[in-house]
Amino acid sequence: MKKLIEGFTRQLGEALRIGQAVDLVRQGTDIRNVLITGMGGSGIGANLVESLVFGRIPIPISVCKGYNIPQFVSPHTLFIACSYTGNTEETLAAIQKAMLKRAHIICITSGGKMLELAKEYNFFYIRIPDGYSTARAMLGFMIVSLLYALYHTNLIGAAFIKETENSIEYLDRGEKAIQAEAELIAKKLKGKLPFIYCDGRLHAMATRFQQQLNENAKQIAHVNTFPEMNHNEIVGWRFPENILQQVQVIYLYSDHDHERVEKRLEICREIFEKRSNSIIDIVAEGASLLEQYYYLIHLTDWISYYLAKENQVDPDPEEAITFLKAELAKLK
C-alpha cells in the first residue's frame, strides 16, 4: 500500500497517456444524459467526477451504485461502467440492464468479464493496467479515464489535462511535507472516532477519505456535509456524552466552499470543541478544484496509511469483504 500511494503521481501520468490514445466517438450518437456506475474503490471516482463537472457539463450527470439502473436510461444515455477488476457483480448486472435499454456504453476496467463483454458487444472501453491488488489504489486511473470519457464525447473541455499535469509536478515537489502532515494527523486520530465535515461540494472527497480510513486503517468513520447537517445532525451533538468525548472532528476546506458554509463551519466549531476535541483543519492546495481534489486524495491516503501503522494493522487485506464475497458466491 505504501508503494501504491507513493506511485499516485506516476499513475496520473500513465492515465493521461492512456486516455489520450483512446477513440470513444461513434458518429451519430445523440447523448442527452450521463450515468456512471461502479462500486467501492472503483465507484468513488464517479462521485468525484460528478462533483468536479457540476455546473460545467451541459446535460444531467448522475451516479448509480448497485444492481439496478434508473428508468431514464435510453439510447440517448452515455452509460459509463467502472470496475477495476472487471468482475464486480453489481456493475456487471447494471451493464446488462443498460444493454437492454440500448445505452451508449463505455467500460473502464483492467480486464475480467467486463472487458470480455466490451469486446463481444463492441462497446468502447478504456483499459487500465492490471496486476494490482486493490481497486481503491487505482483512483488516479479512474478519475482521469472518466474525464477522458467525457472529453472524447465532447461533454467537457481539455482543461483537466493541464490541471493533472500541474498536480503531478506540485505533489512531487511537496511529497515530504504531505507525508509529514499526514503522519501528525494520524497520531491525533489514534483511538478517536473521526467525524469528517465539509461543504456539500466536497462530499465525494470526504467519502473517499472515510473509505480509506475504513479499508486501510480498519477504522470506522463518519461523514456529513454543511449546510445539510445544520438542519438535523447538529441537534444530536449531546448524547451519548462518553462517545462524543472520543469524536475527532475534521474539517475539509477548499477554495470552492460556499461563503455561507464557511461561516457555518466557524459557528459550529465552538459547539463541537466544547463536547469533543480540538478540530483538525485540512485545507486543500492547488489552483483549481481538480488540483485541490488530487491534493486531498493524496494527503488523506497517507493519513489512512499512517493510521494503519498507529493501529498496528496491515492496510492491504480486506478480510471482511473477502468473507462476504465468498459467502455470496455460495448462494449462486
Protein backbone atom coordinates (compact mmCIF):
# COMPACT_ATOMS: atom_id res chain seq x y z
CA MET A 1 0.00 0.00 0.00
CA LYS A 2 2.87 2.36 0.76
CA LYS A 3 4.27 1.84 -2.75
CA LEU A 4 0.84 2.35 -4.31
CA ILE A 5 0.31 5.66 -2.51
CA GLU A 6 3.84 6.76 -3.39
CA GLY A 7 3.05 5.98 -7.03
CA PHE A 8 -0.04 8.23 -7.24
CA THR A 9 1.53 10.86 -9.49
CA ARG A 10 3.09 8.22 -11.76
CA GLN A 11 -0.38 6.71 -12.04
CA LEU A 12 -1.84 10.06 -13.06
CA GLY A 13 0.82 10.45 -15.75
CA GLU A 14 0.18 6.99 -17.15
CA ALA A 15 -3.57 7.60 -17.07
CA LEU A 16 -3.10 10.74 -19.18
CA ARG A 17 -1.18 8.76 -21.79
CA ILE A 18 -3.83 6.02 -21.89
CA GLY A 19 -6.74 8.44 -22.10
CA GLN A 20 -5.19 10.49 -24.88
CA ALA A 21 -4.74 7.42 -27.05
CA VAL A 22 -8.32 6.08 -26.99
CA ASP A 23 -11.07 6.80 -29.52
CA LEU A 24 -14.55 6.89 -27.95
CA VAL A 25 -16.54 8.72 -30.62
CA ARG A 26 -19.29 6.98 -32.53
CA GLN A 27 -20.82 9.19 -35.22
CA GLY A 28 -24.50 9.97 -34.90
CA THR A 29 -24.67 9.39 -31.15
CA ASP A 30 -27.12 11.80 -29.52
CA ILE A 31 -26.20 11.92 -25.82
CA ARG A 32 -28.71 13.65 -23.56
CA ASN A 33 -27.69 12.40 -20.11
CA VAL A 34 -24.83 10.58 -18.40
CA LEU A 35 -24.98 7.75 -15.89
CA ILE A 36 -21.85 6.37 -14.24
CA THR A 37 -21.93 3.12 -12.29
CA GLY A 38 -19.35 1.45 -10.06
CA MET A 39 -18.82 0.17 -6.54
CA GLY A 40 -16.34 0.86 -3.75
CA GLY A 41 -12.87 1.90 -4.83
CA SER A 42 -13.91 1.79 -8.49
CA GLY A 43 -17.10 3.76 -7.92
CA ILE A 44 -15.85 6.64 -5.78
CA GLY A 45 -14.13 8.11 -8.84
CA ALA A 46 -17.59 8.51 -10.35
CA ASN A 47 -18.75 10.59 -7.38
CA LEU A 48 -15.63 12.73 -7.53
CA VAL A 49 -16.03 13.39 -11.26
CA GLU A 50 -19.74 14.14 -10.84
CA SER A 51 -18.74 16.82 -8.31
CA LEU A 52 -15.91 18.12 -10.48
CA VAL A 53 -18.09 18.72 -13.56
CA PHE A 54 -21.03 20.15 -11.59
CA GLY A 55 -22.09 23.37 -13.30
CA ARG A 56 -19.80 22.71 -16.28
CA ILE A 57 -21.39 19.81 -18.15
CA PRO A 58 -24.37 20.82 -20.31
CA ILE A 59 -26.51 17.72 -19.64
CA PRO A 60 -27.60 15.84 -16.48
CA ILE A 61 -25.00 13.54 -14.93
CA SER A 62 -25.63 11.09 -12.11
CA VAL A 63 -24.05 8.15 -10.33
CA CYS A 64 -25.70 4.80 -9.68
CA LYS A 65 -24.38 2.15 -7.31
CA GLY A 66 -25.96 -1.25 -7.22
CA TYR A 67 -27.57 -3.87 -9.41
CA ASN A 68 -30.31 -1.68 -10.91
CA ILE A 69 -30.34 1.43 -13.10
CA PRO A 70 -32.79 4.34 -13.39
CA GLN A 71 -35.77 4.22 -15.72
CA PHE A 72 -34.49 7.22 -17.72
CA VAL A 73 -31.63 5.21 -19.28
CA SER A 74 -32.16 5.10 -23.04
CA PRO A 75 -30.28 5.09 -26.37
CA HIS A 76 -29.53 8.75 -25.55
CA THR A 77 -27.68 7.84 -22.32
CA LEU A 78 -23.90 7.74 -22.04
CA PHE A 79 -23.52 4.82 -19.64
CA ILE A 80 -20.01 4.54 -18.15
CA ALA A 81 -19.28 1.38 -16.17
CA CYS A 82 -16.28 1.35 -13.80
CA SER A 83 -14.76 -1.79 -12.33
CA TYR A 84 -11.05 -2.19 -11.80
CA THR A 85 -11.18 -5.99 -11.81
CA GLY A 86 -13.97 -6.15 -14.36
CA ASN A 87 -15.76 -8.71 -12.19
CA THR A 88 -17.84 -6.57 -9.83
CA GLU A 89 -21.19 -8.36 -9.82
CA GLU A 90 -23.34 -5.27 -9.20
CA THR A 91 -21.72 -3.34 -12.07
CA LEU A 92 -21.97 -6.30 -14.46
CA ALA A 93 -25.67 -6.59 -13.65
CA ALA A 94 -26.13 -2.86 -14.33
CA ILE A 95 -24.40 -3.22 -17.71
CA GLN A 96 -26.82 -5.99 -18.69
CA LYS A 97 -29.74 -3.68 -17.95
CA ALA A 98 -28.13 -0.80 -19.85
CA MET A 99 -27.70 -3.11 -22.85
CA LEU A 100 -31.43 -3.80 -22.85
CA LYS A 101 -32.00 -0.03 -22.90
CA ARG A 102 -29.56 0.28 -25.83
CA ALA A 103 -27.49 2.89 -23.99
CA HIS A 104 -24.16 4.12 -25.36
CA ILE A 105 -21.81 2.10 -23.14
CA ILE A 106 -18.18 2.81 -22.23
CA CYS A 107 -16.30 0.46 -19.90
CA ILE A 108 -13.34 1.42 -17.72
CA THR A 109 -11.58 -1.69 -16.46
CA SER A 110 -8.36 -3.68 -16.35
CA GLY A 111 -9.96 -6.86 -17.69
CA GLY A 112 -12.27 -9.56 -16.38
CA LYS A 113 -15.83 -10.20 -17.54
CA MET A 114 -16.39 -6.51 -18.28
CA LEU A 115 -13.63 -6.42 -20.87
CA GLU A 116 -14.98 -9.63 -22.38
CA LEU A 117 -18.42 -8.02 -22.69
CA ALA A 118 -16.95 -4.86 -24.21
CA LYS A 119 -15.14 -6.85 -26.88
CA GLU A 120 -18.06 -9.19 -27.58
CA TYR A 121 -20.62 -6.41 -28.00
CA ASN A 122 -18.31 -3.77 -29.47
CA PHE A 123 -18.54 -1.34 -26.57
CA PHE A 124 -15.97 1.40 -26.30
CA TYR A 125 -13.58 0.83 -23.41
CA ILE A 126 -10.57 2.30 -21.64
CA ARG A 127 -8.29 -0.43 -20.40
CA ILE A 128 -6.19 0.45 -17.39
CA PRO A 129 -3.21 -1.61 -16.15
CA ASP A 130 -3.95 -4.85 -14.31
CA GLY A 131 -1.93 -6.76 -11.75
CA TYR A 132 -2.62 -4.55 -8.74
CA SER A 133 -4.12 -5.99 -5.56
CA THR A 134 -6.71 -3.36 -4.76
CA ALA A 135 -9.12 -1.16 -6.68
CA ARG A 136 -9.05 1.65 -4.13
CA ALA A 137 -5.43 2.42 -5.00
CA MET A 138 -6.34 2.86 -8.68
CA LEU A 139 -8.31 6.06 -8.17
CA GLY A 140 -5.96 8.12 -10.36
CA PHE A 141 -6.67 5.85 -13.31
CA MET A 142 -10.42 6.01 -12.67
CA ILE A 143 -10.69 9.80 -12.37
CA VAL A 144 -8.58 10.57 -15.43
CA SER A 145 -10.28 7.85 -17.51
CA LEU A 146 -13.73 9.19 -16.60
CA LEU A 147 -12.71 12.72 -17.50
CA TYR A 148 -11.35 11.48 -20.82
CA ALA A 149 -14.61 9.62 -21.48
CA LEU A 150 -16.50 12.89 -21.07
CA TYR A 151 -13.89 14.80 -23.06
CA HIS A 152 -13.83 12.42 -26.02
CA THR A 153 -17.64 12.54 -26.19
CA ASN A 154 -17.46 16.37 -26.33
CA LEU A 155 -19.11 16.96 -22.95
CA ILE A 156 -16.22 18.76 -21.22
CA GLY A 157 -13.15 20.68 -22.33
CA ALA A 158 -9.47 19.78 -22.08
CA ALA A 159 -8.58 21.89 -19.03
CA PHE A 160 -8.33 18.78 -16.84
CA ILE A 161 -5.26 17.61 -18.79
CA LYS A 162 -3.14 20.62 -17.87
CA GLU A 163 -4.54 20.63 -14.34
CA THR A 164 -3.50 17.00 -13.90
CA GLU A 165 -0.03 17.77 -15.22
CA ASN A 166 0.21 20.68 -12.77
CA SER A 167 -0.81 18.42 -9.91
CA ILE A 168 1.81 15.82 -10.77
CA GLU A 169 4.52 18.49 -10.51
CA TYR A 170 3.07 20.07 -7.37
CA LEU A 171 2.58 16.80 -5.45
CA ASP A 172 6.02 15.52 -6.39
CA ARG A 173 7.57 18.74 -5.15
CA GLY A 174 5.67 18.71 -1.86
CA GLU A 175 5.74 14.97 -1.14
CA LYS A 176 7.83 15.11 2.04
CA ALA A 177 5.69 17.85 3.57
CA ILE A 178 2.48 16.00 2.68
CA GLN A 179 3.71 12.82 4.35
CA ALA A 180 4.84 14.73 7.44
CA GLU A 181 1.44 16.41 7.82
CA ALA A 182 -0.35 13.10 7.28
CA GLU A 183 1.69 11.38 9.98
CA LEU A 184 0.91 14.13 12.51
CA ILE A 185 -2.82 13.95 11.76
CA ALA A 186 -2.81 10.15 12.02
CA LYS A 187 -1.33 10.37 15.52
CA LYS A 188 -4.20 12.67 16.55
CA LEU A 189 -6.75 10.20 15.14
CA LYS A 190 -5.47 7.16 17.02
CA GLY A 191 -8.16 5.92 19.38
CA LYS A 192 -10.65 8.51 18.15
CA LEU A 193 -13.85 8.35 16.07
CA PRO A 194 -13.31 10.63 13.04
CA PHE A 195 -16.24 12.86 12.05
CA ILE A 196 -15.43 14.41 8.66
CA TYR A 197 -17.35 17.60 7.85
CA CYS A 198 -17.17 19.81 4.75
CA ASP A 199 -19.11 21.83 2.22
CA GLY A 200 -21.52 19.71 0.19
CA ARG A 201 -19.31 20.21 -2.86
CA LEU A 202 -16.62 18.11 -1.13
CA HIS A 203 -18.95 15.29 -0.09
CA ALA A 204 -17.38 12.80 -2.50
CA MET A 205 -13.90 13.73 -1.27
CA ALA A 206 -14.94 13.25 2.36
CA THR A 207 -16.45 9.89 1.45
CA ARG A 208 -13.20 8.82 -0.20
CA PHE A 209 -11.34 9.77 3.00
CA GLN A 210 -13.84 7.77 5.04
CA GLN A 211 -13.44 4.73 2.78
CA GLN A 212 -9.66 4.83 3.08
CA LEU A 213 -9.87 5.04 6.86
CA ASN A 214 -12.23 2.05 6.76
CA GLU A 215 -10.18 -0.12 4.41
CA ASN A 216 -6.60 0.87 5.19
CA ALA A 217 -6.75 1.71 8.90
CA LYS A 218 -9.64 -0.74 9.60
CA GLN A 219 -11.32 2.12 11.45
CA ILE A 220 -14.89 3.35 11.43
CA ALA A 221 -15.53 6.99 10.47
CA HIS A 222 -18.48 9.28 9.83
CA VAL A 223 -19.17 11.89 7.11
CA ASN A 224 -21.71 14.67 6.80
CA THR A 225 -21.87 17.97 4.93
CA PHE A 226 -22.77 21.60 5.53
CA PRO A 227 -25.32 23.08 5.34
CA GLU A 228 -27.43 19.87 5.46
CA MET A 229 -26.13 18.70 8.85
CA ASN A 230 -27.15 22.05 10.34
CA HIS A 231 -30.77 21.02 9.81
CA ASN A 232 -30.60 17.74 11.75
CA GLU A 233 -27.31 16.19 12.93
CA ILE A 234 -26.15 19.23 14.87
CA VAL A 235 -29.03 18.70 17.31
CA GLY A 236 -27.67 15.24 18.08
CA TRP A 237 -24.42 16.64 19.42
CA ARG A 238 -25.45 15.98 23.03
CA PHE A 239 -25.57 12.24 23.60
CA PRO A 240 -24.03 9.84 24.30
CA GLU A 241 -21.56 12.10 26.08
CA ASN A 242 -18.89 9.41 26.51
CA ILE A 243 -18.88 8.74 22.75
CA LEU A 244 -18.75 12.42 21.84
CA GLN A 245 -15.65 12.79 24.00
CA GLN A 246 -13.93 10.28 21.72
CA VAL A 247 -15.01 12.03 18.50
CA GLN A 248 -12.36 13.82 16.45
CA VAL A 249 -13.91 16.35 14.08
CA ILE A 250 -12.04 17.03 10.84
CA TYR A 251 -12.90 19.99 8.63
CA LEU A 252 -12.07 19.70 4.93
CA TYR A 253 -11.72 23.06 3.18
CA SER A 254 -11.37 24.07 -0.47
CA ASP A 255 -11.41 27.38 -2.32
CA HIS A 256 -14.81 26.37 -3.70
CA ASP A 257 -16.65 26.27 -0.38
CA HIS A 258 -19.72 28.49 -0.25
CA GLU A 259 -19.08 31.65 1.78
CA ARG A 260 -22.11 30.96 3.98
CA VAL A 261 -20.85 27.43 4.63
CA GLU A 262 -17.53 28.86 5.81
CA LYS A 263 -19.41 30.96 8.35
CA ARG A 264 -21.45 27.94 9.46
CA LEU A 265 -18.29 25.89 9.98
CA GLU A 266 -16.82 28.56 12.23
CA ILE A 267 -20.02 29.00 14.25
CA CYS A 268 -20.24 25.23 14.82
CA ARG A 269 -16.58 24.96 15.81
CA GLU A 270 -17.43 26.11 19.34
CA ILE A 271 -20.22 23.52 19.64
CA PHE A 272 -18.02 20.64 18.55
CA GLU A 273 -14.92 21.58 20.53
CA LYS A 274 -16.95 22.09 23.71
CA ARG A 275 -18.15 18.47 23.60
CA SER A 276 -15.19 16.68 21.96
CA ASN A 277 -11.66 17.67 20.90
CA SER A 278 -9.94 20.49 19.05
CA ILE A 279 -10.88 20.32 15.37
CA ILE A 280 -8.33 19.23 12.79
CA ASP A 281 -8.38 21.56 9.76
CA ILE A 282 -7.32 20.11 6.40
CA VAL A 283 -7.03 22.78 3.71
CA ALA A 284 -6.80 21.81 0.04
CA GLU A 285 -3.97 23.21 -2.06
CA GLY A 286 -3.97 23.83 -5.81
CA ALA A 287 -5.16 26.32 -8.40
CA SER A 288 -8.35 24.51 -9.49
CA LEU A 289 -10.91 22.23 -7.87
CA LEU A 290 -9.41 19.21 -9.65
CA GLU A 291 -5.93 20.08 -8.41
CA GLN A 292 -7.29 20.51 -4.89
CA TYR A 293 -9.01 17.12 -5.14
CA TYR A 294 -5.76 15.46 -6.16
CA TYR A 295 -4.03 17.10 -3.19
CA LEU A 296 -6.70 15.98 -0.74
CA ILE A 297 -6.75 12.45 -2.17
CA HIS A 298 -3.01 12.11 -1.76
CA LEU A 299 -2.88 13.65 1.72
CA THR A 300 -5.78 11.63 3.10
CA ASP A 301 -4.47 8.41 1.57
CA TRP A 302 -1.27 8.97 3.50
CA ILE A 303 -3.28 9.71 6.66
CA SER A 304 -5.07 6.36 6.31
CA TYR A 305 -1.72 4.61 5.80
CA TYR A 306 -0.10 6.17 8.87
CA LEU A 307 -3.22 5.50 10.94
CA ALA A 308 -2.96 1.83 9.93
CA LYS A 309 0.54 1.90 11.39
CA GLU A 310 -0.76 3.55 14.57
CA ASN A 311 -3.45 0.84 14.77
CA GLN A 312 -0.80 -1.83 14.09
CA VAL A 313 -2.70 -3.34 11.16
CA ASP A 314 -1.74 -4.22 7.60
CA PRO A 315 -3.59 -1.75 5.33
CA ASP A 316 -3.84 -4.14 2.39
CA PRO A 317 -6.03 -7.12 3.43
CA GLU A 318 -9.83 -6.79 3.35
CA GLU A 319 -10.89 -9.87 5.32
CA ALA A 320 -14.50 -8.75 5.84
CA ILE A 321 -15.04 -8.02 2.13
CA THR A 322 -13.33 -11.26 1.12
CA PHE A 323 -15.57 -13.21 3.52
CA LEU A 324 -18.71 -11.50 2.20
CA LYS A 325 -17.84 -12.27 -1.43
CA ALA A 326 -17.09 -15.90 -0.58
CA GLU A 327 -20.44 -16.30 1.17
CA LEU A 328 -22.30 -14.65 -1.70
CA ALA A 329 -20.56 -16.99 -4.16
CA LYS A 330 -22.03 -19.95 -2.27
CA LEU A 331 -25.53 -18.63 -2.94
CA LYS A 332 -25.23 -18.52 -6.74
